Amino acid sequence: MGWGGFQTRPKRRAAKSGVAVLAAAIAAMLSGGRFDLTGAQQSPPRIWDVPLGTALSDLPDEEFVDPACGTNSGPPGLRLGSFEEFAKCRPESSGLREIWFRYDDEAEFIARAARDPDAVARSNAMLLIGQPVTLSLLADSTGHLQGYRIFTDPRADPELRKEAYSITVALKARFGLGGWECEALPRAEGETPIDGVFVKERCRKTEDRQRLTLESRHYYKPGQSVSDPNTGLATVNQFESSARLEVVAIAALAK
């Protein structure tokens, strides 16, 4: 058994067709119930459940899917056939390679087929404290996990994304509220508060031989504002609000 109670290299299930999934959902609806998305099943692994040093070949590849080269918060780059093709990704200055991935969304698909909005919300694996996120792993040249990154998703609905910076509170709590060293980053010319709130912060913490870096942003960039100065109309999605977490093994940074 591996971390979190699951096997480190699970056998692949036969892929479920959309028809089979839809049939299961319809059967549940016709029986007068809702398709059970939780039941007694074990919670799927999450990015922080995987111990640093784990071989990429041992990742839970039924739950971590669609690997691609990462772009440090941008869209996925070159698609990979598996995590073991990590060497196709260009190394960063640290020597580590970033591999983008997402959590399996089968449960969400089933909930949508069953037309159960509450279950859809519960089973959306790519949400963190209600915020859409993107994920990536950091691997060394030998194919072992040395870190990971979590970013709030810039494609989120504007009203939701406006609060993206606030998930840093929960992320700090996950690793313990004590021991963080935070600094307010300099405000660039033209950056202005959103509704009186300006956040541009970087926090660091060292724990369990890991370096944690947490950044948050919440402001208007130069040229952005709540309304268009020429038309007076409200602008849409013209603001910066984001959070970014990076966890890296200190030993990997020293190489």
Protein backbone atom coordinates (compact mmCIF):
# COMPACT_ATOMS: atom_id res chain seq x y z
CA MET A 1 0.00 0.00 0.00
CA GLY A 2 1.15 3.55 -0.60
CA TRP A 3 0.31 6.97 0.85
CA GLY A 4 -3.26 7.70 1.82
CA GLY A 5 -4.15 3.99 1.77
CA PHE A 6 -4.03 3.39 -1.98
CA GLN A 7 -1.64 1.28 -4.02
CA THR A 8 1.30 3.19 -5.44
CA ARG A 9 0.78 1.69 -8.87
CA PRO A 10 -2.92 0.86 -9.24
CA LYS A 11 -4.11 -1.36 -12.02
CA ARG A 12 -5.93 0.56 -14.71
CA ARG A 13 -9.65 0.04 -14.84
CA ALA A 14 -11.23 -0.64 -18.17
CA ALA A 15 -12.30 2.75 -19.47
CA LYS A 16 -15.98 3.42 -18.89
CA SER A 17 -17.85 4.58 -21.95
CA GLY A 18 -20.04 7.63 -21.75
CA VAL A 19 -23.02 5.36 -22.52
CA ALA A 20 -22.26 3.10 -19.56
CA VAL A 21 -21.88 6.04 -17.20
CA LEU A 22 -25.06 7.64 -18.46
CA ALA A 23 -26.94 4.34 -18.10
CA ALA A 24 -25.85 4.05 -14.48
CA ALA A 25 -26.97 7.59 -13.75
CA ILE A 26 -30.34 7.08 -15.47
CA ALA A 27 -30.87 3.83 -13.56
CA ALA A 28 -30.38 5.70 -10.31
CA MET A 29 -32.83 8.38 -11.37
CA LEU A 30 -35.47 5.86 -12.41
CA SER A 31 -35.17 4.06 -9.10
CA GLY A 32 -36.10 7.29 -7.38
CA GLY A 33 -32.68 7.92 -5.93
CA ARG A 34 -29.53 9.82 -6.80
CA PHE A 35 -26.37 8.32 -8.12
CA ASP A 36 -24.12 7.79 -5.09
CA LEU A 37 -20.89 9.69 -5.70
CA THR A 38 -19.39 9.11 -2.29
CA GLY A 39 -20.80 5.97 -0.71
CA ALA A 40 -18.17 4.06 1.20
CA GLN A 41 -15.44 4.73 -1.32
CA GLN A 42 -12.11 6.02 -0.15
CA SER A 43 -11.40 9.66 -0.91
CA PRO A 44 -9.17 9.99 -3.98
CA PRO A 45 -5.57 11.13 -3.47
CA ARG A 46 -4.73 14.79 -3.79
CA ILE A 47 -1.54 16.53 -4.78
CA TRP A 48 -0.34 17.01 -1.19
CA ASP A 49 -0.90 13.33 -0.38
CA VAL A 50 2.00 12.21 -2.55
CA PRO A 51 5.31 12.12 -0.63
CA LEU A 52 8.16 14.02 -2.25
CA GLY A 53 10.66 11.54 -3.64
CA THR A 54 7.95 9.32 -5.12
CA ALA A 55 8.79 7.98 -8.59
CA LEU A 56 6.55 9.42 -11.30
CA SER A 57 5.94 5.84 -12.44
CA ASP A 58 4.24 5.22 -9.07
CA LEU A 59 1.77 8.09 -9.27
CA PRO A 60 -1.94 7.18 -9.05
CA ASP A 61 -2.51 7.46 -12.77
CA GLU A 62 -6.22 6.73 -12.56
CA GLU A 63 -6.72 9.85 -10.43
CA PHE A 64 -3.94 12.09 -11.86
CA VAL A 65 -4.69 12.31 -15.59
CA ASP A 66 -3.90 14.11 -18.86
CA PRO A 67 -0.26 15.03 -18.10
CA ALA A 68 1.39 17.78 -20.13
CA CYS A 69 4.40 20.03 -19.82
CA GLY A 70 3.66 22.84 -17.39
CA THR A 71 4.04 26.56 -18.08
CA ASN A 72 4.16 27.98 -14.53
CA SER A 73 0.48 29.00 -14.25
CA GLY A 74 -0.20 29.17 -17.99
CA PRO A 75 -2.13 26.68 -20.13
CA PRO A 76 -0.75 23.16 -20.55
CA GLY A 77 2.04 22.76 -23.07
CA LEU A 78 3.16 19.61 -24.87
CA ARG A 79 0.83 16.72 -24.10
CA LEU A 80 2.47 13.63 -22.61
CA GLY A 81 1.39 10.03 -23.06
CA SER A 82 2.22 9.40 -19.40
CA PHE A 83 4.07 10.99 -16.49
CA GLU A 84 7.06 8.84 -17.43
CA GLU A 85 7.57 11.02 -20.52
CA PHE A 86 8.54 13.93 -18.24
CA ALA A 87 11.93 14.30 -19.96
CA LYS A 88 10.13 15.85 -22.96
CA CYS A 89 9.51 18.94 -20.80
CA ARG A 90 12.15 21.63 -20.67
CA PRO A 91 13.93 21.93 -17.30
CA GLU A 92 13.61 25.17 -15.36
CA SER A 93 16.62 27.03 -13.99
CA SER A 94 16.44 24.80 -10.88
CA GLY A 95 16.82 21.73 -13.09
CA LEU A 96 13.30 20.58 -12.23
CA ARG A 97 10.67 19.90 -14.88
CA GLU A 98 7.06 21.01 -14.46
CA ILE A 99 4.30 18.54 -15.40
CA TRP A 100 0.74 19.87 -15.59
CA PHE A 101 -2.13 17.49 -14.83
CA ARG A 102 -5.70 17.40 -13.60
CA TYR A 103 -7.74 15.21 -11.31
CA ASP A 104 -9.99 12.59 -12.87
CA ASP A 105 -13.50 14.02 -13.40
CA GLU A 106 -15.52 10.82 -13.77
CA ALA A 107 -17.59 11.51 -10.66
CA GLU A 108 -18.48 14.97 -11.95
CA PHE A 109 -19.45 13.52 -15.33
CA ILE A 110 -21.75 11.03 -13.62
CA ALA A 111 -23.35 13.80 -11.57
CA ARG A 112 -23.96 15.90 -14.68
CA ALA A 113 -25.49 12.91 -16.43
CA ALA A 114 -27.79 12.47 -13.42
CA ARG A 115 -28.65 16.19 -13.54
CA ASP A 116 -27.81 16.56 -9.87
CA PRO A 117 -26.40 20.10 -9.39
CA ASP A 118 -25.53 19.52 -5.72
CA ALA A 119 -23.54 16.41 -6.61
CA VAL A 120 -21.85 18.28 -9.48
CA ALA A 121 -20.66 20.93 -7.04
CA ARG A 122 -19.44 18.31 -4.54
CA SER A 123 -17.64 16.23 -7.13
CA ASN A 124 -15.81 18.99 -9.01
CA ALA A 125 -12.29 17.88 -8.13
CA MET A 126 -10.62 20.98 -9.57
CA LEU A 127 -12.00 23.28 -6.88
CA LEU A 128 -10.12 24.34 -3.77
CA ILE A 129 -12.18 26.22 -1.16
CA GLY A 130 -14.64 26.93 -3.96
CA GLN A 131 -12.00 28.34 -6.32
CA PRO A 132 -11.08 26.65 -9.61
CA VAL A 133 -7.39 25.72 -9.60
CA THR A 134 -4.74 24.29 -11.88
CA LEU A 135 -2.06 21.85 -10.72
CA SER A 136 1.45 20.80 -11.63
CA LEU A 137 4.21 18.54 -10.34
CA LEU A 138 7.95 19.22 -10.25
CA ALA A 139 10.23 16.31 -11.15
CA ASP A 140 13.99 15.89 -11.10
CA SER A 141 16.12 14.39 -13.86
CA THR A 142 15.68 10.87 -12.44
CA GLY A 143 11.89 11.03 -12.65
CA HIS A 144 11.15 11.54 -8.95
CA LEU A 145 8.70 14.04 -7.50
CA GLN A 146 10.44 16.98 -5.83
CA GLY A 147 7.59 19.44 -5.49
CA TYR A 148 4.29 20.77 -6.77
CA ARG A 149 2.40 23.94 -7.57
CA ILE A 150 -1.21 25.04 -7.14
CA PHE A 151 -2.56 28.07 -8.99
CA THR A 152 -5.98 29.68 -8.94
CA ASP A 153 -7.44 29.44 -12.43
CA PRO A 154 -7.47 32.76 -14.34
CA ARG A 155 -10.32 31.40 -16.52
CA ALA A 156 -12.75 31.32 -13.59
CA ASP A 157 -15.95 33.37 -13.63
CA PRO A 158 -14.96 37.00 -12.86
CA GLU A 159 -17.12 37.31 -9.74
CA LEU A 160 -15.59 34.13 -8.36
CA ARG A 161 -12.06 34.97 -9.44
CA LYS A 162 -12.23 38.31 -7.66
CA GLU A 163 -11.92 36.38 -4.37
CA ALA A 164 -9.18 34.02 -5.56
CA TYR A 165 -6.51 35.69 -3.44
CA SER A 166 -8.38 34.80 -0.25
CA ILE A 167 -7.68 31.05 -0.40
CA THR A 168 -4.18 31.76 0.88
CA VAL A 169 -5.64 31.76 4.40
CA ALA A 170 -6.75 28.15 4.00
CA LEU A 171 -3.46 27.16 2.37
CA LYS A 172 -1.51 28.63 5.27
CA ALA A 173 -3.69 26.75 7.72
CA ARG A 174 -3.10 23.47 5.90
CA PHE A 175 0.62 23.71 6.62
CA GLY A 176 0.20 25.33 10.04
CA LEU A 177 -0.45 29.01 10.64
CA GLY A 178 2.83 29.48 12.53
CA GLY A 179 6.26 29.95 11.01
CA TRP A 180 5.30 31.91 7.90
CA GLU A 181 7.45 34.91 7.03
CA CYS A 182 5.46 37.31 4.88
CA GLU A 183 6.42 40.47 3.02
CA ALA A 184 4.37 43.03 1.19
CA LEU A 185 5.79 43.37 -2.31
CA PRO A 186 6.33 46.87 -3.75
CA ARG A 187 3.35 48.40 -5.49
CA ALA A 188 4.19 49.14 -9.13
CA GLU A 189 3.20 52.43 -10.69
CA GLY A 190 -0.44 52.35 -11.76
CA GLU A 191 -1.48 49.45 -9.50
CA THR A 192 -4.56 50.40 -7.49
CA PRO A 193 -6.80 48.74 -4.86
CA ILE A 194 -9.99 46.85 -5.65
CA ASP A 195 -12.82 48.20 -3.48
CA GLY A 196 -10.21 49.65 -1.14
CA VAL A 197 -8.25 46.38 -0.80
CA PHE A 198 -4.71 46.00 -2.16
CA VAL A 199 -2.86 42.70 -1.70
CA LYS A 200 0.53 41.87 -3.14
CA GLU A 201 2.19 39.49 -0.73
CA ARG A 202 4.74 36.69 -0.66
CA CYS A 203 5.01 34.31 2.28
CA ARG A 204 7.65 31.64 2.88
CA LYS A 205 8.01 28.79 5.29
CA THR A 206 10.46 25.91 5.77
CA GLU A 207 9.03 22.71 7.19
CA ASP A 208 9.85 18.98 6.97
CA ARG A 209 12.79 19.70 4.64
CA GLN A 210 10.46 21.52 2.26
CA ARG A 211 10.39 25.15 1.13
CA LEU A 212 6.88 26.57 0.86
CA THR A 213 6.17 29.77 -1.07
CA LEU A 214 2.70 31.30 -1.10
CA GLU A 215 1.86 34.37 -3.14
CA SER A 216 -1.37 36.38 -3.37
CA ARG A 217 -2.47 39.25 -5.60
CA HIS A 218 -5.55 41.47 -5.51
CA TYR A 219 -5.49 44.81 -7.33
CA TYR A 220 -6.07 46.60 -10.59
CA LYS A 221 -3.10 46.53 -12.95
CA PRO A 222 -2.07 49.72 -14.74
CA GLY A 223 -4.82 50.72 -17.15
CA GLN A 224 -7.44 48.56 -15.44
CA SER A 225 -10.39 49.96 -13.49
CA VAL A 226 -13.93 49.20 -12.43
CA SER A 227 -15.29 51.23 -15.37
CA ASP A 228 -14.13 52.27 -18.80
CA PRO A 229 -12.96 55.92 -18.57
CA ASN A 230 -14.14 56.59 -22.12
CA THR A 231 -17.62 55.05 -22.01
CA GLY A 232 -18.34 54.94 -18.30
CA LEU A 233 -19.49 51.34 -18.69
CA ALA A 234 -18.46 48.69 -16.19
CA THR A 235 -15.43 46.68 -17.28
CA VAL A 236 -15.43 42.89 -17.26
CA ASN A 237 -12.60 40.80 -15.85
CA GLN A 238 -10.13 43.67 -15.75
CA PHE A 239 -8.33 43.00 -12.48
CA GLU A 240 -5.68 40.81 -10.89
CA SER A 241 -6.75 38.38 -8.18
CA SER A 242 -4.82 35.17 -7.71
CA ALA A 243 -3.05 32.80 -5.36
CA ARG A 244 -0.06 30.55 -6.00
CA LEU A 245 1.48 27.85 -3.80
CA GLU A 246 4.80 26.15 -4.47
CA VAL A 247 6.19 23.32 -2.35
CA VAL A 248 9.71 22.09 -3.17
CA ALA A 249 12.13 19.72 -1.48
CA ILE A 250 15.07 21.77 -0.21
CA ALA A 251 17.52 19.04 -1.21
CA ALA A 252 16.36 19.33 -4.83
CA LEU A 253 17.08 23.06 -4.86
CA ALA A 254 20.61 22.48 -3.57
CA LYS A 255 21.61 20.28 -6.51
